[in-house]
């Protein structure tokens, strides 16, 4: 695969689109990829992104710009201190 041809420093950029996908399979691959590459800080962020998509099926902070209606659960999350807002 292409990631085997890249320098370790390049991998975080290569895997980044997976972390920002709302597809749960992409999210799983993101977590696995960052962990296998030993990119600890990126791995921490990818796990957080995974948890959001696993819980909501999407990133609630994108709802407004994407023209999606937020659920009551998403609104509560977005108003919380734990909210990821992009």
C-alpha atoms as a PDB file:
ATOM      1  CA  UNK A   1       0.000   0.000   0.000  1.00  0.00           C
ATOM      2  CA  UNK A   2       1.002   3.623  -0.469  1.00  0.00           C
ATOM      3  CA  UNK A   3       1.584   4.286   3.214  1.00  0.00           C
ATOM      4  CA  UNK A   4       4.549   1.884   3.191  1.00  0.00           C
ATOM      5  CA  UNK A   5       6.256   4.223   0.716  1.00  0.00           C
ATOM      6  CA  UNK A   6       5.981   7.308   2.925  1.00  0.00           C
ATOM      7  CA  UNK A   7       8.151   8.691   5.668  1.00  0.00           C
ATOM      8  CA  UNK A   8       6.718   8.472   9.172  1.00  0.00           C
ATOM      9  CA  UNK A   9       6.366  12.270   9.209  1.00  0.00           C
ATOM     10  CA  UNK A  10       4.146  12.093   6.115  1.00  0.00           C
ATOM     11  CA  UNK A  11       1.792   9.447   7.464  1.00  0.00           C
ATOM     12  CA  UNK A  12      -0.243  11.792   9.639  1.00  0.00           C
ATOM     13  CA  UNK A  13      -1.258  13.730   6.524  1.00  0.00           C
ATOM     14  CA  UNK A  14      -1.886  10.554   4.550  1.00  0.00           C
ATOM     15  CA  UNK A  15      -4.254   9.139   7.205  1.00  0.00           C
ATOM     16  CA  UNK A  16      -5.935  12.475   8.037  1.00  0.00           C
ATOM     17  CA  UNK A  17      -8.860  12.113   5.568  1.00  0.00           C
ATOM     18  CA  UNK A  18      -9.838   8.868   7.291  1.00  0.00           C
ATOM     19  CA  UNK A  19     -10.067  10.658  10.639  1.00  0.00           C
ATOM     20  CA  UNK A  20     -12.381  13.289   9.159  1.00  0.00           C
ATOM     21  CA  UNK A  21     -14.702  10.871   7.376  1.00  0.00           C
ATOM     22  CA  UNK A  22     -18.165  10.184   8.774  1.00  0.00           C
ATOM     23  CA  UNK A  23     -17.885   6.557   7.613  1.00  0.00           C
ATOM     24  CA  UNK A  24     -17.348   4.316  10.656  1.00  0.00           C
ATOM     25  CA  UNK A  25     -15.151   1.902   8.685  1.00  0.00           C
ATOM     26  CA  UNK A  26     -12.882   4.800   7.740  1.00  0.00           C
ATOM     27  CA  UNK A  27     -12.811   5.769  11.408  1.00  0.00           C
ATOM     28  CA  UNK A  28     -11.727   2.259  12.444  1.00  0.00           C
ATOM     29  CA  UNK A  29      -9.013   2.278   9.795  1.00  0.00           C
ATOM     30  CA  UNK A  30      -7.873   5.700  11.010  1.00  0.00           C
ATOM     31  CA  UNK A  31      -7.433   4.496  14.586  1.00  0.00           C
ATOM     32  CA  UNK A  32      -5.654   1.326  13.468  1.00  0.00           C
ATOM     33  CA  UNK A  33      -3.394   3.172  11.050  1.00  0.00           C
ATOM     34  CA  UNK A  34      -2.296   5.859  13.494  1.00  0.00           C
ATOM     35  CA  UNK A  35      -1.676   3.258  16.184  1.00  0.00           C
ATOM     36  CA  UNK A  36       0.372   0.992  13.901  1.00  0.00           C
ATOM     37  CA  UNK A  37       2.452   3.981  12.773  1.00  0.00           C
ATOM     38  CA  UNK A  38       3.142   4.887  16.411  1.00  0.00           C
ATOM     39  CA  UNK A  39       1.692   8.367  15.948  1.00  0.00           C
ATOM     40  CA  UNK A  40       0.499   8.692  19.533  1.00  0.00           C
ATOM     41  CA  UNK A  41      -0.968  12.204  19.458  1.00  0.00           C
ATOM     42  CA  UNK A  42      -2.760  11.554  16.164  1.00  0.00           C
ATOM     43  CA  UNK A  43      -3.986   8.249  17.561  1.00  0.00           C
ATOM     44  CA  UNK A  44      -5.512  10.040  20.549  1.00  0.00           C
ATOM     45  CA  UNK A  45      -7.377  12.432  18.241  1.00  0.00           C
ATOM     46  CA  UNK A  46      -8.461   9.628  15.907  1.00  0.00           C
ATOM     47  CA  UNK A  47      -9.972   7.711  18.836  1.00  0.00           C
ATOM     48  CA  UNK A  48     -11.911  10.808  19.860  1.00  0.00           C
ATOM     49  CA  UNK A  49     -13.199  11.283  16.296  1.00  0.00           C
ATOM     50  CA  UNK A  50     -14.119   7.584  16.157  1.00  0.00           C
ATOM     51  CA  UNK A  51     -16.126   7.858  19.378  1.00  0.00           C
ATOM     52  CA  UNK A  52     -18.105  10.801  18.010  1.00  0.00           C
ATOM     53  CA  UNK A  53     -18.987   9.035  14.744  1.00  0.00           C
ATOM     54  CA  UNK A  54     -19.702   5.786  16.581  1.00  0.00           C
ATOM     55  CA  UNK A  55     -22.119   7.568  18.903  1.00  0.00           C
ATOM     56  CA  UNK A  56     -23.850   9.927  16.470  1.00  0.00           C
ATOM     57  CA  UNK A  57     -23.148   8.358  13.067  1.00  0.00           C
ATOM     58  CA  UNK A  58     -21.705  11.708  11.974  1.00  0.00           C
ATOM     59  CA  UNK A  59     -19.972  14.833  13.276  1.00  0.00           C
ATOM     60  CA  UNK A  60     -22.691  16.985  14.865  1.00  0.00           C
ATOM     61  CA  UNK A  61     -20.626  20.177  14.508  1.00  0.00           C
ATOM     62  CA  UNK A  62     -21.052  19.857  10.718  1.00  0.00           C
ATOM     63  CA  UNK A  63     -24.844  19.733  10.804  1.00  0.00           C
ATOM     64  CA  UNK A  64     -25.530  23.419  10.319  1.00  0.00           C
ATOM     65  CA  UNK A  65     -23.130  23.892   7.413  1.00  0.00           C
ATOM     66  CA  UNK A  66     -24.372  20.664   5.796  1.00  0.00           C
ATOM     67  CA  UNK A  67     -28.025  21.650   6.162  1.00  0.00           C
ATOM     68  CA  UNK A  68     -28.752  18.780   8.545  1.00  0.00           C
ATOM     69  CA  UNK A  69     -31.107  19.012  11.469  1.00  0.00           C
ATOM     70  CA  UNK A  70     -29.465  18.241  14.793  1.00  0.00           C
ATOM     71  CA  UNK A  71     -31.065  15.729  17.124  1.00  0.00           C
ATOM     72  CA  UNK A  72     -31.731  16.657  20.760  1.00  0.00           C
ATOM     73  CA  UNK A  73     -28.801  14.396  21.742  1.00  0.00           C
ATOM     74  CA  UNK A  74     -26.510  16.214  19.305  1.00  0.00           C
ATOM     75  CA  UNK A  75     -27.635  19.624  20.559  1.00  0.00           C
ATOM     76  CA  UNK A  76     -26.929  18.588  24.157  1.00  0.00           C
ATOM     77  CA  UNK A  77     -23.497  17.357  23.100  1.00  0.00           C
ATOM     78  CA  UNK A  78     -22.705  20.536  21.135  1.00  0.00           C
ATOM     79  CA  UNK A  79     -23.653  22.640  24.168  1.00  0.00           C
ATOM     80  CA  UNK A  80     -21.448  20.586  26.480  1.00  0.00           C
ATOM     81  CA  UNK A  81     -17.859  21.215  27.518  1.00  0.00           C
ATOM     82  CA  UNK A  82     -16.864  17.952  25.789  1.00  0.00           C
ATOM     83  CA  UNK A  83     -18.081  19.057  22.363  1.00  0.00           C
ATOM     84  CA  UNK A  84     -15.715  18.857  19.421  1.00  0.00           C
ATOM     85  CA  UNK A  85     -16.468  21.816  17.209  1.00  0.00           C
ATOM     86  CA  UNK A  86     -13.961  21.329  14.421  1.00  0.00           C
END
